Amino acid sequence: MKIAVDITVLYIAGAGVFYYRYNLLKAMLALPSPHELVLLDYSPIEEWVRNDPEQVKTLLATHTDIRRITGLKHRKLARVGFVQKHGLQPLAGRMDQALDRSWHKLCEFEMNRRLRKHLADVDVFHSSDVLHYALPGARNVTTIYDLTTLLFPEYHTALVRELQAKKFHFIQTQADAVIAISESAKQDTVDHLGLDPTHVHVVYGGVDSSYHPLPPTVVAETLGSVGLVPQEYILCVGTMEPRKNLVRLIQAYHQVRRKFPRLTPKLVHVGMKGWMYEDVLTQVHALDLEDDVIFLGRVESGLLPALYNGARLFVYPSIYEGFGLPVLEAMACGTPVITSNTSSLPEVAGDAAILVDPYDVTQIAEAMEQMLADQDQRATSSQRGLDRAARFTWEATAKRTLEVYENIARN
């Protein structure tokens, strides 16, 4: 069987979507398999959007059947240098608006023509969040990571809601099978998109082998490069956006610090700025926590294991997650975890974490107080987390994904 997987999303996606797709592909390429794997690298995407992460370069260097297919760019007259130089943007803008639908149809027609030609020998096609395409003559699969734009539209920009609406329509009308990354995501997909449960297959993510307990000397040396001391901070990892519930986390942290000012370590956040992040910074300023809350931004992946290892505890009070990979990474490093009792997070954490109501600031604060004060509980949570994380491997993710491909190819 010949399987094609769209990798275009790797040039655009960040955070969980990137790591799930990247690690899945890496594990699939490492598996002995009777199937042939084709990697589809579809252009165009605008050059200012596209980037080439080192992980992707390494991934592609290990594989031979990479099909790079170009298409028509959805061009805008208003962006042409001559037009901008001579102040013709208003006229060009009106022309762009008049031609937009026709140009979009032409680009789509050409995309379909070229993809059909270059993927004619493919039996199963796994599309992505970038390319919503059903290959004629093949069985078509896509992955659902979460339904936050449907369940929490207020946490997203209009553009993100529009893009996800297109993906949901594709799932409802053209996908032969859907992979959900948790039982929670599957249930949401069935409930809100009206899919037959037998067409939705749960495939959990895994945790990379780089996330494991490290020698204390290595942790101390690595953390010193960013001005941190082991066990002298509480850690949170994730994009700075409303769904991650950072405002309530900061409020809870403020309660703990006000109650135990000398015993409460600093709060460190790792992750890039997403949409609507300003409220987080405003809250830090309003509570006079500028010296106590540290924003490291996006860090190199090699630094993350040490950051997890060095944290006294990891707090992740997200409102909703399709899977919640940072919880798994923290547990794999032996870090005690506090996380939410909603969506997929109890599935991932099991009995290894303290689960809290993410809307209840006081409950989050009390869990932090409890974990900070009780060394024995931190040790128990650490060991349970290590045991729990060992159940989630990317090899298992790859094997289960191949089973989905094989099952739909037979039916």
Foldseek 3Di string as FASTA:
>chain_A
DEEEEEPQVCFADDDPQNVQVLLLLQLLLVDDDPYHYAYEHEDDDDPVRGDDDPSNVVSVVSDDRYDYYYFDDQDFPLPDPVCVVVVNNVVSVVVCVVCVVVSVVRRVVRVLVRCCVVCVPHAEYEYELVDLDAHPNHAYEYEDWADCCPVPVVQDDPVVNVSVVVVLVSVLPPHQAYEFQFPLRLVCNCVPSVDDSVRYHHFHAAEDPLQAADPQVVLQVLVVVVPDGFAQEEEEEDEQTVQQLLLLVVVLLLVLCVVPVVLHHAYEYEEAYDPPNVVNVVSCVVSVNPVRYHYPYHDDPNSVSSVLLRYQAYEGAGNEGSACRVLLSSLNNLHAYEYAPDGNVCVQQPPLHHHDHSVDSNRSNVRVVVSSVDPVNSNSSSVSSNVSNVVGDSNSSNVVVVVSSVVSSVD
